[in-house]
Amino acid sequence: MIIKAKNLIKSFHSPQQVSILTGVSIEIAQGESIAITGRSGEGKTTLLHILGTLEPFDSGELTIAGIPQNKGNASELRNKHMGFVFQAFNLLEDFTALENVLMPARIARNSIDLKKGLELLALVGLEHRAHFPAKLLSGGERQRVAIARALCNNPDIIFADEPSGNLDKASADAIADLLFNLVKTHNKTLILVTHDLTLASRCDRNFSLCQGQLTPPLY
């Protein structure tokens, strides 16, 4: 299993205590696609951030690629095993598409391979936009750059938080097709948070987060 989570508990304590996760357990295999759905405010993004080591949990166990996650190794696990695609794109606006794609390599202090960056942009159909600042790209193009960026360090796992939520339907459908094709072709694990049940249905397993618990697969 690429991810094993056991009895994850998470609460927020300000301005008042709110229980978000009350004992979430899940095992996810390499190459598997998982959707997490549920109402707004249930904690879907919080769970994704915890599984992606972006946010700490209060108690429980999380193992990534056979390595127990702790306070000291979160960044290393993230840099080696994970890529992220966010609803708001989270690109550096004044940097070029190519510079954005290669940013995870810079953060991880890996060698900067311009050829690889161009190849990743070609994968998402944007090699002709390599030297355009991100602020000049359309929403669909920005999300394509974000997907290429997520693949920069050749991660085992892609985390996608409402990846088509800020796009028109045509762009959203194109981004969904691209994302699923890439994770299948490159044998990546996909963990997808979405309100879109049609998008969720494309995953191998579909869970709903409700009152701090993950339901069994819906189908």
N, C-alpha and C. Protein backbone atom coordinates (compact mmCIF):
# COMPACT_ATOMS: atom_id res chain seq x y z
N MET A 1 0.83 -1.19 0.00
CA MET A 1 0.00 0.00 0.00
C MET A 1 0.87 1.25 0.00
N ILE A 2 0.51 2.21 -0.84
CA ILE A 2 1.27 3.45 -0.87
C ILE A 2 0.89 4.37 0.28
N ILE A 3 -0.37 4.29 0.73
CA ILE A 3 -0.83 5.07 1.88
C ILE A 3 -1.61 4.16 2.83
N LYS A 4 -1.28 4.24 4.10
CA LYS A 4 -2.05 3.59 5.15
C LYS A 4 -2.33 4.62 6.24
N ALA A 5 -3.60 4.88 6.48
CA ALA A 5 -4.00 5.78 7.56
C ALA A 5 -4.84 5.00 8.55
N LYS A 6 -4.55 5.17 9.82
CA LYS A 6 -5.26 4.42 10.85
C LYS A 6 -5.71 5.37 11.96
N ASN A 7 -7.02 5.45 12.12
CA ASN A 7 -7.64 6.17 13.24
C ASN A 7 -7.15 7.62 13.34
N LEU A 8 -7.16 8.33 12.21
CA LEU A 8 -6.75 9.73 12.21
C LEU A 8 -7.80 10.59 12.90
N ILE A 9 -7.36 11.41 13.83
CA ILE A 9 -8.24 12.32 14.56
C ILE A 9 -7.70 13.74 14.40
N LYS A 10 -8.62 14.66 14.13
CA LYS A 10 -8.22 16.06 13.95
C LYS A 10 -9.33 16.97 14.46
N SER A 11 -8.96 17.95 15.28
CA SER A 11 -9.89 18.96 15.76
C SER A 11 -9.26 20.33 15.58
N PHE A 12 -10.12 21.32 15.43
CA PHE A 12 -9.68 22.72 15.48
C PHE A 12 -10.14 23.29 16.81
N HIS A 13 -9.32 24.15 17.40
CA HIS A 13 -9.58 24.60 18.76
C HIS A 13 -9.89 26.09 18.87
N SER A 14 -9.88 26.83 17.75
CA SER A 14 -10.14 28.26 17.80
C SER A 14 -11.03 28.65 16.61
N PRO A 15 -12.04 29.48 16.83
CA PRO A 15 -12.44 30.14 18.07
C PRO A 15 -13.15 29.22 19.06
N GLN A 16 -13.54 28.02 18.62
CA GLN A 16 -14.09 27.02 19.52
C GLN A 16 -13.71 25.65 19.01
N GLN A 17 -13.78 24.65 19.86
CA GLN A 17 -13.34 23.32 19.45
C GLN A 17 -14.35 22.68 18.50
N VAL A 18 -13.86 22.21 17.38
CA VAL A 18 -14.70 21.52 16.39
C VAL A 18 -13.97 20.26 15.98
N SER A 19 -14.63 19.13 16.09
CA SER A 19 -14.06 17.85 15.66
C SER A 19 -14.24 17.72 14.15
N ILE A 20 -13.14 17.52 13.44
CA ILE A 20 -13.19 17.40 11.99
C ILE A 20 -13.11 15.93 11.57
N LEU A 21 -12.10 15.23 12.05
CA LEU A 21 -11.95 13.79 11.78
C LEU A 21 -12.03 13.07 13.11
N THR A 22 -12.84 12.02 13.16
CA THR A 22 -13.07 11.34 14.43
C THR A 22 -12.61 9.89 14.41
N GLY A 23 -11.66 9.59 13.53
CA GLY A 23 -11.11 8.25 13.46
C GLY A 23 -11.15 7.68 12.06
N VAL A 24 -10.45 8.35 11.14
CA VAL A 24 -10.46 7.96 9.73
C VAL A 24 -9.36 6.94 9.47
N SER A 25 -9.74 5.83 8.86
CA SER A 25 -8.79 4.81 8.45
C SER A 25 -9.02 4.47 6.99
N ILE A 26 -7.92 4.36 6.24
CA ILE A 26 -8.03 4.01 4.82
C ILE A 26 -6.68 3.47 4.35
N GLU A 27 -6.74 2.50 3.43
CA GLU A 27 -5.54 1.99 2.77
C GLU A 27 -5.71 2.18 1.27
N ILE A 28 -4.66 2.68 0.62
CA ILE A 28 -4.72 3.02 -0.80
C ILE A 28 -3.53 2.39 -1.51
N ALA A 29 -3.80 1.66 -2.57
CA ALA A 29 -2.75 0.95 -3.31
C ALA A 29 -2.15 1.85 -4.39
N GLN A 30 -0.90 1.55 -4.76
CA GLN A 30 -0.26 2.27 -5.86
C GLN A 30 -1.04 2.07 -7.15
N GLY A 31 -1.28 3.16 -7.86
CA GLY A 31 -2.01 3.11 -9.12
C GLY A 31 -3.52 3.20 -8.97
N GLU A 32 -4.00 3.28 -7.74
CA GLU A 32 -5.44 3.35 -7.49
C GLU A 32 -5.91 4.80 -7.48
N SER A 33 -7.14 5.03 -7.91
CA SER A 33 -7.73 6.36 -7.83
C SER A 33 -8.87 6.35 -6.81
N ILE A 34 -8.84 7.35 -5.92
CA ILE A 34 -9.78 7.44 -4.82
C ILE A 34 -10.45 8.80 -4.86
N ALA A 35 -11.78 8.83 -4.75
CA ALA A 35 -12.51 10.09 -4.64
C ALA A 35 -13.05 10.24 -3.22
N ILE A 36 -12.97 11.45 -2.70
CA ILE A 36 -13.56 11.78 -1.41
C ILE A 36 -14.57 12.89 -1.65
N THR A 37 -15.84 12.60 -1.40
CA THR A 37 -16.91 13.56 -1.58
C THR A 37 -17.53 13.89 -0.22
N GLY A 38 -18.52 14.76 -0.22
CA GLY A 38 -19.18 15.15 1.02
C GLY A 38 -19.56 16.61 0.97
N ARG A 39 -20.39 17.01 1.92
CA ARG A 39 -20.87 18.39 1.97
C ARG A 39 -19.74 19.35 2.33
N SER A 40 -19.92 20.61 2.00
CA SER A 40 -18.97 21.63 2.40
C SER A 40 -18.87 21.68 3.92
N GLY A 41 -17.66 21.85 4.41
CA GLY A 41 -17.46 21.95 5.84
C GLY A 41 -17.24 20.64 6.55
N GLU A 42 -17.29 19.53 5.81
CA GLU A 42 -17.11 18.22 6.46
C GLU A 42 -15.64 17.90 6.73
N GLY A 43 -14.72 18.61 6.06
CA GLY A 43 -13.31 18.37 6.32
C GLY A 43 -12.58 17.63 5.22
N LYS A 44 -13.14 17.64 4.00
CA LYS A 44 -12.51 16.90 2.90
C LYS A 44 -11.12 17.43 2.59
N THR A 45 -11.01 18.75 2.49
CA THR A 45 -9.69 19.34 2.19
C THR A 45 -8.73 19.12 3.34
N THR A 46 -9.23 19.20 4.57
CA THR A 46 -8.37 18.93 5.73
C THR A 46 -7.82 17.51 5.66
N LEU A 47 -8.67 16.54 5.33
CA LEU A 47 -8.21 15.16 5.21
C LEU A 47 -7.17 15.03 4.10
N LEU A 48 -7.42 15.66 2.95
CA LEU A 48 -6.45 15.60 1.86
C LEU A 48 -5.11 16.20 2.30
N HIS A 49 -5.16 17.33 3.00
CA HIS A 49 -3.93 17.96 3.47
C HIS A 49 -3.19 17.09 4.48
N ILE A 50 -3.92 16.39 5.31
CA ILE A 50 -3.28 15.49 6.28
C ILE A 50 -2.62 14.31 5.57
N LEU A 51 -3.35 13.69 4.65
CA LEU A 51 -2.77 12.57 3.89
C LEU A 51 -1.57 13.03 3.07
N GLY A 52 -1.58 14.31 2.65
CA GLY A 52 -0.48 14.86 1.88
C GLY A 52 0.59 15.51 2.74
N THR A 53 0.54 15.31 4.04
CA THR A 53 1.52 15.82 5.02
C THR A 53 1.62 17.34 5.03
N LEU A 54 0.60 18.03 4.52
CA LEU A 54 0.59 19.48 4.55
C LEU A 54 0.06 20.02 5.87
N GLU A 55 -0.62 19.16 6.62
CA GLU A 55 -1.25 19.58 7.87
C GLU A 55 -1.11 18.45 8.88
N PRO A 56 -0.82 18.77 10.14
CA PRO A 56 -0.67 17.71 11.14
C PRO A 56 -2.02 17.17 11.60
N PHE A 57 -1.99 15.96 12.12
CA PHE A 57 -3.18 15.39 12.74
C PHE A 57 -2.93 15.29 14.24
N ASP A 58 -4.00 15.18 15.02
CA ASP A 58 -3.87 15.16 16.47
C ASP A 58 -3.38 13.80 16.98
N SER A 59 -3.94 12.75 16.42
CA SER A 59 -3.51 11.40 16.81
C SER A 59 -3.87 10.43 15.70
N GLY A 60 -3.30 9.23 15.78
CA GLY A 60 -3.48 8.23 14.74
C GLY A 60 -2.15 7.90 14.10
N GLU A 61 -2.21 7.18 12.98
CA GLU A 61 -0.99 6.76 12.30
C GLU A 61 -1.15 6.99 10.79
N LEU A 62 -0.08 7.47 10.17
CA LEU A 62 -0.06 7.67 8.72
C LEU A 62 1.26 7.15 8.18
N THR A 63 1.16 6.22 7.22
CA THR A 63 2.34 5.64 6.60
C THR A 63 2.31 5.94 5.11
N ILE A 64 3.40 6.49 4.59
CA ILE A 64 3.53 6.81 3.18
C ILE A 64 4.66 5.98 2.59
N ALA A 65 4.34 5.18 1.58
CA ALA A 65 5.36 4.34 0.92
C ALA A 65 6.15 3.52 1.94
N GLY A 66 5.45 3.02 2.94
CA GLY A 66 6.07 2.16 3.94
C GLY A 66 6.79 2.89 5.05
N ILE A 67 6.76 4.24 5.03
CA ILE A 67 7.48 5.04 6.02
C ILE A 67 6.48 5.75 6.92
N PRO A 68 6.51 5.52 8.24
CA PRO A 68 5.61 6.24 9.15
C PRO A 68 5.92 7.74 9.11
N GLN A 69 4.87 8.54 8.94
CA GLN A 69 5.07 9.99 8.90
C GLN A 69 5.19 10.54 10.32
N ASN A 70 6.15 11.44 10.51
CA ASN A 70 6.29 12.12 11.79
C ASN A 70 6.63 13.58 11.52
N LYS A 71 6.78 14.36 12.58
CA LYS A 71 7.01 15.80 12.42
C LYS A 71 8.30 16.10 11.65
N GLY A 72 9.27 15.19 11.74
CA GLY A 72 10.56 15.47 11.14
C GLY A 72 10.70 15.09 9.68
N ASN A 73 9.79 14.26 9.16
CA ASN A 73 10.00 13.77 7.78
C ASN A 73 8.91 14.17 6.81
N ALA A 74 7.99 15.04 7.23
CA ALA A 74 6.86 15.40 6.36
C ALA A 74 7.33 16.01 5.04
N SER A 75 8.27 16.96 5.11
CA SER A 75 8.75 17.61 3.89
C SER A 75 9.43 16.62 2.95
N GLU A 76 10.23 15.73 3.51
CA GLU A 76 10.93 14.75 2.69
C GLU A 76 9.95 13.81 2.00
N LEU A 77 8.95 13.35 2.74
CA LEU A 77 7.94 12.48 2.13
C LEU A 77 7.20 13.20 1.02
N ARG A 78 6.87 14.46 1.27
CA ARG A 78 6.16 15.26 0.27
C ARG A 78 6.99 15.42 -0.99
N ASN A 79 8.26 15.78 -0.83
CA ASN A 79 9.12 16.03 -1.98
C ASN A 79 9.39 14.77 -2.80
N LYS A 80 9.45 13.63 -2.14
CA LYS A 80 9.78 12.38 -2.83
C LYS A 80 8.57 11.68 -3.44
N HIS A 81 7.42 11.81 -2.80
CA HIS A 81 6.30 10.93 -3.14
C HIS A 81 5.03 11.63 -3.60
N MET A 82 4.96 12.96 -3.53
CA MET A 82 3.67 13.61 -3.72
C MET A 82 3.72 14.78 -4.69
N GLY A 83 2.61 14.96 -5.41
CA GLY A 83 2.38 16.14 -6.22
C GLY A 83 0.97 16.64 -5.93
N PHE A 84 0.74 17.94 -6.11
CA PHE A 84 -0.53 18.55 -5.72
C PHE A 84 -1.11 19.39 -6.85
N VAL A 85 -2.44 19.28 -7.00
CA VAL A 85 -3.20 20.11 -7.93
C VAL A 85 -4.33 20.75 -7.14
N PHE A 86 -4.34 22.09 -7.09
CA PHE A 86 -5.31 22.80 -6.26
C PHE A 86 -6.35 23.51 -7.12
N GLN A 87 -7.51 23.75 -6.52
CA GLN A 87 -8.59 24.44 -7.22
C GLN A 87 -8.15 25.82 -7.69
N ALA A 88 -7.39 26.52 -6.85
CA ALA A 88 -6.98 27.89 -7.16
C ALA A 88 -5.65 27.95 -7.92
N PHE A 89 -5.20 26.80 -8.43
CA PHE A 89 -3.99 26.67 -9.24
C PHE A 89 -2.70 26.85 -8.43
N ASN A 90 -2.64 27.94 -7.62
CA ASN A 90 -1.47 28.21 -6.77
C ASN A 90 -0.17 28.30 -7.58
N LEU A 91 -0.25 28.97 -8.72
CA LEU A 91 0.95 29.24 -9.50
C LEU A 91 1.58 30.55 -9.04
N LEU A 92 2.87 30.70 -9.31
CA LEU A 92 3.56 31.97 -9.08
C LEU A 92 3.34 32.84 -10.30
N GLU A 93 2.54 33.87 -10.15
CA GLU A 93 1.99 34.62 -11.27
C GLU A 93 3.06 35.26 -12.16
N ASP A 94 4.14 35.73 -11.58
CA ASP A 94 5.16 36.43 -12.37
C ASP A 94 6.24 35.49 -12.90
N PHE A 95 6.12 34.22 -12.59
CA PHE A 95 7.05 33.22 -13.12
C PHE A 95 6.44 32.60 -14.37
N THR A 96 7.29 32.11 -15.26
CA THR A 96 6.79 31.48 -16.48
C THR A 96 6.18 30.12 -16.19
N ALA A 97 5.47 29.61 -17.19
CA ALA A 97 4.91 28.27 -17.06
C ALA A 97 6.01 27.26 -16.76
N LEU A 98 7.12 27.35 -17.48
CA LEU A 98 8.22 26.42 -17.29
C LEU A 98 8.81 26.56 -15.88
N GLU A 99 9.00 27.78 -15.42
CA GLU A 99 9.53 27.99 -14.07
C GLU A 99 8.60 27.42 -13.02
N ASN A 100 7.29 27.56 -13.21
CA ASN A 100 6.32 26.99 -12.27
C ASN A 100 6.39 25.47 -12.26
N VAL A 101 6.50 24.88 -13.43
CA VAL A 101 6.57 23.42 -13.51
C VAL A 101 7.78 22.88 -12.76
N LEU A 102 8.89 23.59 -12.85
CA LEU A 102 10.13 23.13 -12.23
C LEU A 102 10.28 23.53 -10.76
N MET A 103 9.33 24.28 -10.23
CA MET A 103 9.45 24.76 -8.86
C MET A 103 9.57 23.63 -7.82
N PRO A 104 8.82 22.51 -7.93
CA PRO A 104 9.01 21.44 -6.96
C PRO A 104 10.44 20.90 -6.92
N ALA A 105 11.11 20.87 -8.07
CA ALA A 105 12.51 20.42 -8.09
C ALA A 105 13.39 21.40 -7.33
N ARG A 106 13.13 22.70 -7.48
CA ARG A 106 13.90 23.70 -6.74
C ARG A 106 13.67 23.55 -5.24
N ILE A 107 12.42 23.37 -4.86
CA ILE A 107 12.09 23.24 -3.43
C ILE A 107 12.76 22.02 -2.83
N ALA A 108 12.77 20.91 -3.60
CA ALA A 108 13.39 19.67 -3.12
C ALA A 108 14.91 19.67 -3.29
N ARG A 109 15.45 20.76 -3.88
CA ARG A 109 16.89 20.89 -4.14
C ARG A 109 17.39 19.78 -5.06
N ASN A 110 16.51 19.41 -6.01
CA ASN A 110 16.92 18.48 -7.06
C ASN A 110 17.53 19.27 -8.21
N SER A 111 18.20 18.58 -9.09
CA SER A 111 18.77 19.25 -10.26
C SER A 111 17.64 19.78 -11.14
N ILE A 112 17.86 20.93 -11.75
CA ILE A 112 16.86 21.56 -12.60
C ILE A 112 17.08 21.11 -14.04
N ASP A 113 16.12 20.39 -14.58
CA ASP A 113 16.23 19.81 -15.91
C ASP A 113 15.23 20.52 -16.82
N LEU A 114 15.71 21.50 -17.58
CA LEU A 114 14.83 22.27 -18.45
C LEU A 114 14.16 21.39 -19.49
N LYS A 115 14.90 20.40 -20.00
CA LYS A 115 14.32 19.50 -21.00
C LYS A 115 13.14 18.73 -20.42
N LYS A 116 13.30 18.26 -19.19
CA LYS A 116 12.21 17.54 -18.54
C LYS A 116 11.01 18.45 -18.34
N GLY A 117 11.25 19.70 -17.93
CA GLY A 117 10.15 20.64 -17.76
C GLY A 117 9.38 20.87 -19.04
N LEU A 118 10.11 20.99 -20.15
CA LEU A 118 9.46 21.16 -21.45
C LEU A 118 8.68 19.92 -21.85
N GLU A 119 9.22 18.74 -21.52
CA GLU A 119 8.52 17.50 -21.81
C GLU A 119 7.21 17.40 -21.01
N LEU A 120 7.24 17.86 -19.76
CA LEU A 120 6.02 17.85 -18.94
C LEU A 120 4.99 18.81 -19.50
N LEU A 121 5.44 19.97 -19.95
CA LEU A 121 4.50 20.91 -20.59
C LEU A 121 3.94 20.32 -21.87
N ALA A 122 4.75 19.58 -22.60
CA ALA A 122 4.26 18.92 -23.82
C ALA A 122 3.19 17.88 -23.48
N LEU A 123 3.37 17.19 -22.35
CA LEU A 123 2.38 16.20 -21.92
C LEU A 123 1.00 16.81 -21.75
N VAL A 124 0.97 18.07 -21.28
CA VAL A 124 -0.31 18.72 -21.05
C VAL A 124 -0.67 19.68 -22.18
N GLY A 125 0.08 19.61 -23.28
CA GLY A 125 -0.24 20.38 -24.47
C GLY A 125 0.10 21.86 -24.39
N LEU A 126 1.10 22.21 -23.60
CA LEU A 126 1.41 23.62 -23.40
C LEU A 126 2.88 23.97 -23.64
N GLU A 127 3.58 23.18 -24.43
CA GLU A 127 4.98 23.51 -24.68
C GLU A 127 5.13 24.88 -25.35
N HIS A 128 4.11 25.29 -26.09
CA HIS A 128 4.16 26.60 -26.75
C HIS A 128 3.94 27.77 -25.79
N ARG A 129 3.58 27.46 -24.55
CA ARG A 129 3.38 28.50 -23.54
C ARG A 129 4.51 28.49 -22.50
N ALA A 130 5.58 27.79 -22.76
CA ALA A 130 6.63 27.57 -21.77
C ALA A 130 7.15 28.86 -21.16
N HIS A 131 7.30 29.91 -21.96
CA HIS A 131 7.94 31.14 -21.50
C HIS A 131 6.94 32.26 -21.26
N PHE A 132 5.65 31.90 -21.17
CA PHE A 132 4.62 32.87 -20.84
C PHE A 132 4.52 32.98 -19.32
N PRO A 133 4.43 34.20 -18.76
CA PRO A 133 4.14 34.33 -17.33
C PRO A 133 2.79 33.70 -17.01
N ALA A 134 2.69 33.09 -15.84
CA ALA A 134 1.45 32.41 -15.47
C ALA A 134 0.25 33.35 -15.51
N LYS A 135 0.47 34.63 -15.20
CA LYS A 135 -0.66 35.57 -15.15
C LYS A 135 -1.27 35.83 -16.52
N LEU A 136 -0.58 35.46 -17.59
CA LEU A 136 -1.11 35.65 -18.94
C LEU A 136 -1.85 34.42 -19.47
N LEU A 137 -1.90 33.36 -18.69
CA LEU A 137 -2.54 32.12 -19.13
C LEU A 137 -4.01 32.10 -18.74
N SER A 138 -4.81 31.37 -19.51
CA SER A 138 -6.22 31.18 -19.17
C SER A 138 -6.34 30.24 -17.97
N GLY A 139 -7.54 30.15 -17.40
CA GLY A 139 -7.75 29.25 -16.27
C GLY A 139 -7.43 27.81 -16.61
N GLY A 140 -7.88 27.35 -17.77
CA GLY A 140 -7.60 25.98 -18.18
C GLY A 140 -6.12 25.73 -18.38
N GLU A 141 -5.44 26.73 -18.95
CA GLU A 141 -3.99 26.60 -19.15
C GLU A 141 -3.26 26.59 -17.81
N ARG A 142 -3.70 27.40 -16.89
CA ARG A 142 -3.05 27.42 -15.57
C ARG A 142 -3.18 26.05 -14.89
N GLN A 143 -4.35 25.45 -15.01
CA GLN A 143 -4.51 24.14 -14.37
C GLN A 143 -3.70 23.08 -15.08
N ARG A 144 -3.51 23.19 -16.36
CA ARG A 144 -2.62 22.27 -17.07
C ARG A 144 -1.18 22.42 -16.58
N VAL A 145 -0.76 23.66 -16.38
CA VAL A 145 0.58 23.90 -15.82
C VAL A 145 0.67 23.28 -14.42
N ALA A 146 -0.39 23.43 -13.63
CA ALA A 146 -0.40 22.86 -12.28
C ALA A 146 -0.28 21.34 -12.31
N ILE A 147 -0.91 20.71 -13.28
CA ILE A 147 -0.80 19.25 -13.41
C ILE A 147 0.62 18.86 -13.80
N ALA A 148 1.20 19.60 -14.75
CA ALA A 148 2.60 19.33 -15.12
C ALA A 148 3.52 19.53 -13.93
N ARG A 149 3.28 20.57 -13.16
CA ARG A 149 4.08 20.82 -11.94
C ARG A 149 3.95 19.66 -10.96
N ALA A 150 2.75 19.11 -10.82
CA ALA A 150 2.54 18.00 -9.89
C ALA A 150 3.36 16.78 -10.26
N LEU A 151 3.71 16.66 -11.54
CA LEU A 151 4.47 15.51 -12.01
C LEU A 151 5.99 15.74 -11.98
N CYS A 152 6.41 16.93 -11.59
CA CYS A 152 7.82 17.34 -11.73
C CYS A 152 8.80 16.37 -11.07
N ASN A 153 8.53 15.98 -9.83
CA ASN A 153 9.45 15.11 -9.11
C ASN A 153 9.10 13.63 -9.25
N ASN A 154 8.30 13.31 -10.27
CA ASN A 154 7.88 11.93 -10.53
C ASN A 154 7.29 11.29 -9.27
N PRO A 155 6.25 11.90 -8.69
CA PRO A 155 5.71 11.40 -7.43
C PRO A 155 4.90 10.11 -7.62
N ASP A 156 4.75 9.39 -6.54
CA ASP A 156 3.87 8.22 -6.55
C ASP A 156 2.41 8.61 -6.47
N ILE A 157 2.13 9.73 -5.81
CA ILE A 157 0.76 10.12 -5.47
C ILE A 157 0.47 11.52 -5.97
N ILE A 158 -0.69 11.69 -6.61
CA ILE A 158 -1.19 13.01 -6.98
C ILE A 158 -2.41 13.32 -6.12
N PHE A 159 -2.36 14.43 -5.39
CA PHE A 159 -3.49 14.91 -4.62
C PHE A 159 -4.15 16.04 -5.41
N ALA A 160 -5.45 15.94 -5.63
CA ALA A 160 -6.17 16.94 -6.41
C ALA A 160 -7.38 17.42 -5.63
N ASP A 161 -7.40 18.71 -5.31
CA ASP A 161 -8.48 19.31 -4.52
C ASP A 161 -9.35 20.16 -5.44
N GLU A 162 -10.52 19.64 -5.79
CA GLU A 162 -11.44 20.33 -6.71
C GLU A 162 -10.69 20.87 -7.92
N PRO A 163 -10.00 20.02 -8.67
CA PRO A 163 -9.11 20.52 -9.73
C PRO A 163 -9.82 21.23 -10.87
N SER A 164 -11.12 21.00 -11.01
CA SER A 164 -11.85 21.67 -12.09
C SER A 164 -12.89 22.65 -11.56
N GLY A 165 -12.82 22.96 -10.27
CA GLY A 165 -13.85 23.77 -9.64
C GLY A 165 -13.91 25.21 -10.11
N ASN A 166 -12.81 25.76 -10.60
CA ASN A 166 -12.78 27.16 -11.04
C ASN A 166 -12.87 27.31 -12.55
N LEU A 167 -13.27 26.23 -13.24
CA LEU A 167 -13.23 26.25 -14.70
C LEU A 167 -14.63 26.11 -15.29
N ASP A 168 -14.81 26.61 -16.51
CA ASP A 168 -16.06 26.37 -17.23
C ASP A 168 -16.15 24.89 -17.58
N LYS A 169 -17.35 24.44 -17.98
CA LYS A 169 -17.57 23.01 -18.15
C LYS A 169 -16.64 22.39 -19.19
N ALA A 170 -16.45 23.07 -20.32
CA ALA A 170 -15.59 22.50 -21.36
C ALA A 170 -14.17 22.34 -20.85
N SER A 171 -13.65 23.38 -20.18
CA SER A 171 -12.29 23.31 -19.63
C SER A 171 -12.21 22.27 -18.53
N ALA A 172 -13.25 22.21 -17.68
CA ALA A 172 -13.27 21.24 -16.59
C ALA A 172 -13.23 19.81 -17.12
N ASP A 173 -14.01 19.54 -18.15
CA ASP A 173 -14.02 18.20 -18.74
C ASP A 173 -12.65 17.86 -19.33
N ALA A 174 -12.03 18.84 -19.99
CA ALA A 174 -10.72 18.60 -20.59
C ALA A 174 -9.67 18.33 -19.51
N ILE A 175 -9.72 19.08 -18.42
CA ILE A 175 -8.77 18.89 -17.32
C ILE A 175 -8.98 17.52 -16.68
N ALA A 176 -10.22 17.12 -16.49
CA ALA A 176 -10.50 15.81 -15.90
C ALA A 176 -9.96 14.69 -16.78
N ASP A 177 -10.21 14.79 -18.09
CA ASP A 177 -9.70 13.77 -19.02
C ASP A 177 -8.17 13.70 -18.96
N LEU A 178 -7.54 14.87 -18.95
CA LEU A 178 -6.08 14.93 -18.91
C LEU A 178 -5.55 14.31 -17.63
N LEU A 179 -6.13 14.67 -16.50
CA LEU A 179 -5.66 14.18 -15.21
C LEU A 179 -5.78 12.66 -15.12
N PHE A 180 -6.94 12.13 -15.47
CA PHE A 180 -7.14 10.68 -15.37
C PHE A 180 -6.26 9.93 -16.37
N ASN A 181 -6.09 10.48 -17.56
CA ASN A 181 -5.22 9.82 -18.53
C ASN A 181 -3.77 9.77 -18.06
N LEU A 182 -3.31 10.88 -17.47
CA LEU A 182 -1.92 10.94 -17.02
C LEU A 182 -1.66 10.00 -15.85
N VAL A 183 -2.57 9.97 -14.87
CA VAL A 183 -2.32 9.10 -13.72
C VAL A 183 -2.39 7.63 -14.12
N LYS A 184 -3.25 7.31 -15.09
CA LYS A 184 -3.32 5.93 -15.56
C LYS A 184 -2.08 5.56 -16.36
N THR A 185 -1.68 6.44 -17.27
CA THR A 185 -0.52 6.16 -18.13
C THR A 185 0.76 6.03 -17.32
N HIS A 186 0.90 6.84 -16.27
CA HIS A 186 2.13 6.86 -15.48
C HIS A 186 2.01 6.10 -14.17
N ASN A 187 0.93 5.34 -14.00
CA ASN A 187 0.71 4.51 -12.81
C ASN A 187 0.83 5.30 -11.51
N LYS A 188 0.19 6.47 -11.48
CA LYS A 188 0.16 7.29 -10.27
C LYS A 188 -1.08 6.96 -9.44
N THR A 189 -0.95 7.09 -8.15
CA THR A 189 -2.11 7.04 -7.27
C THR A 189 -2.76 8.42 -7.28
N LEU A 190 -4.08 8.46 -7.41
CA LEU A 190 -4.81 9.73 -7.41
C LEU A 190 -5.75 9.77 -6.22
N ILE A 191 -5.64 10.84 -5.43
CA ILE A 191 -6.59 11.10 -4.35
C ILE A 191 -7.27 12.42 -4.69
N LEU A 192 -8.56 12.33 -4.95
CA LEU A 192 -9.34 13.44 -5.51
C LEU A 192 -10.42 13.86 -4.52
N VAL A 193 -10.46 15.15 -4.19
CA VAL A 193 -11.55 15.72 -3.41
C VAL A 193 -12.42 16.52 -4.36
N THR A 194 -13.73 16.24 -4.34
CA THR A 194 -14.61 16.92 -5.29
C THR A 194 -16.06 16.91 -4.79
N HIS A 195 -16.82 17.93 -5.23
CA HIS A 195 -18.27 17.93 -5.05
C HIS A 195 -18.97 17.29 -6.25
N ASP A 196 -18.23 17.07 -7.31
CA ASP A 196 -18.79 16.60 -8.58
C ASP A 196 -18.88 15.07 -8.57
N LEU A 197 -20.08 14.54 -8.41
CA LEU A 197 -20.24 13.09 -8.31
C LEU A 197 -19.93 12.39 -9.63
N THR A 198 -20.14 13.08 -10.74
CA THR A 198 -19.78 12.49 -12.04
C THR A 198 -18.27 12.33 -12.14
N LEU A 199 -17.53 13.35 -11.70
CA LEU A 199 -16.08 13.25 -11.69
C LEU A 199 -15.63 12.16 -10.72
N ALA A 200 -16.24 12.11 -9.55
CA ALA A 200 -15.88 11.10 -8.55
C ALA A 200 -16.11 9.69 -9.07
N SER A 201 -17.14 9.51 -9.89
CA SER A 201 -17.49 8.18 -10.38
C SER A 201 -16.42 7.60 -11.30
N ARG A 202 -15.51 8.44 -11.79
CA ARG A 202 -14.43 7.96 -12.65
C ARG A 202 -13.31 7.29 -11.86
N CYS A 203 -13.33 7.45 -10.54
CA CYS A 203 -12.30 6.86 -9.69
C CYS A 203 -12.61 5.39 -9.40
N ASP A 204 -11.58 4.65 -9.00
CA ASP A 204 -11.75 3.24 -8.67
C ASP A 204 -12.63 3.03 -7.45
N ARG A 205 -12.46 3.91 -6.46
CA ARG A 205 -13.28 3.84 -5.25
C ARG A 205 -13.72 5.24 -4.86
N ASN A 206 -14.91 5.31 -4.28
CA ASN A 206 -15.52 6.59 -3.96
C ASN A 206 -16.00 6.56 -2.52
N PHE A 207 -15.46 7.46 -1.69
CA PHE A 207 -15.85 7.55 -0.29
C PHE A 207 -16.54 8.88 -0.03
N SER A 208 -17.38 8.90 0.99
CA SER A 208 -17.99 10.14 1.43
C SER A 208 -17.55 10.42 2.86
N LEU A 209 -17.14 11.66 3.11
CA LEU A 209 -16.77 12.06 4.46
C LEU A 209 -17.97 12.73 5.10
N CYS A 210 -18.41 12.16 6.22
CA CYS A 210 -19.60 12.67 6.91
C CYS A 210 -19.40 12.52 8.41
N GLN A 211 -19.55 13.61 9.13
CA GLN A 211 -19.42 13.62 10.59
C GLN A 211 -18.12 12.99 11.04
N GLY A 212 -17.05 13.33 10.33
CA GLY A 212 -15.73 12.91 10.72
C GLY A 212 -15.32 11.51 10.36
N GLN A 213 -16.18 10.81 9.60
CA GLN A 213 -15.91 9.43 9.24
C GLN A 213 -16.00 9.25 7.73
N LEU A 214 -15.18 8.34 7.19
CA LEU A 214 -15.31 7.95 5.79
C LEU A 214 -16.27 6.77 5.69
N THR A 215 -17.25 6.89 4.80
CA THR A 215 -18.13 5.75 4.54
C THR A 215 -17.37 4.70 3.76
N PRO A 216 -17.88 3.47 3.72
CA PRO A 216 -17.35 2.49 2.77
C PRO A 216 -17.57 3.00 1.35
N PRO A 217 -16.88 2.41 0.37
CA PRO A 217 -17.10 2.82 -1.02
C PRO A 217 -18.58 2.84 -1.38
N LEU A 218 -18.99 3.86 -2.13
CA LEU A 218 -20.40 3.98 -2.50
C LEU A 218 -20.78 3.02 -3.61
N TYR A 219 -19.79 2.49 -4.33
CA TYR A 219 -20.07 1.51 -5.39
C TYR A 219 -18.82 0.72 -5.64
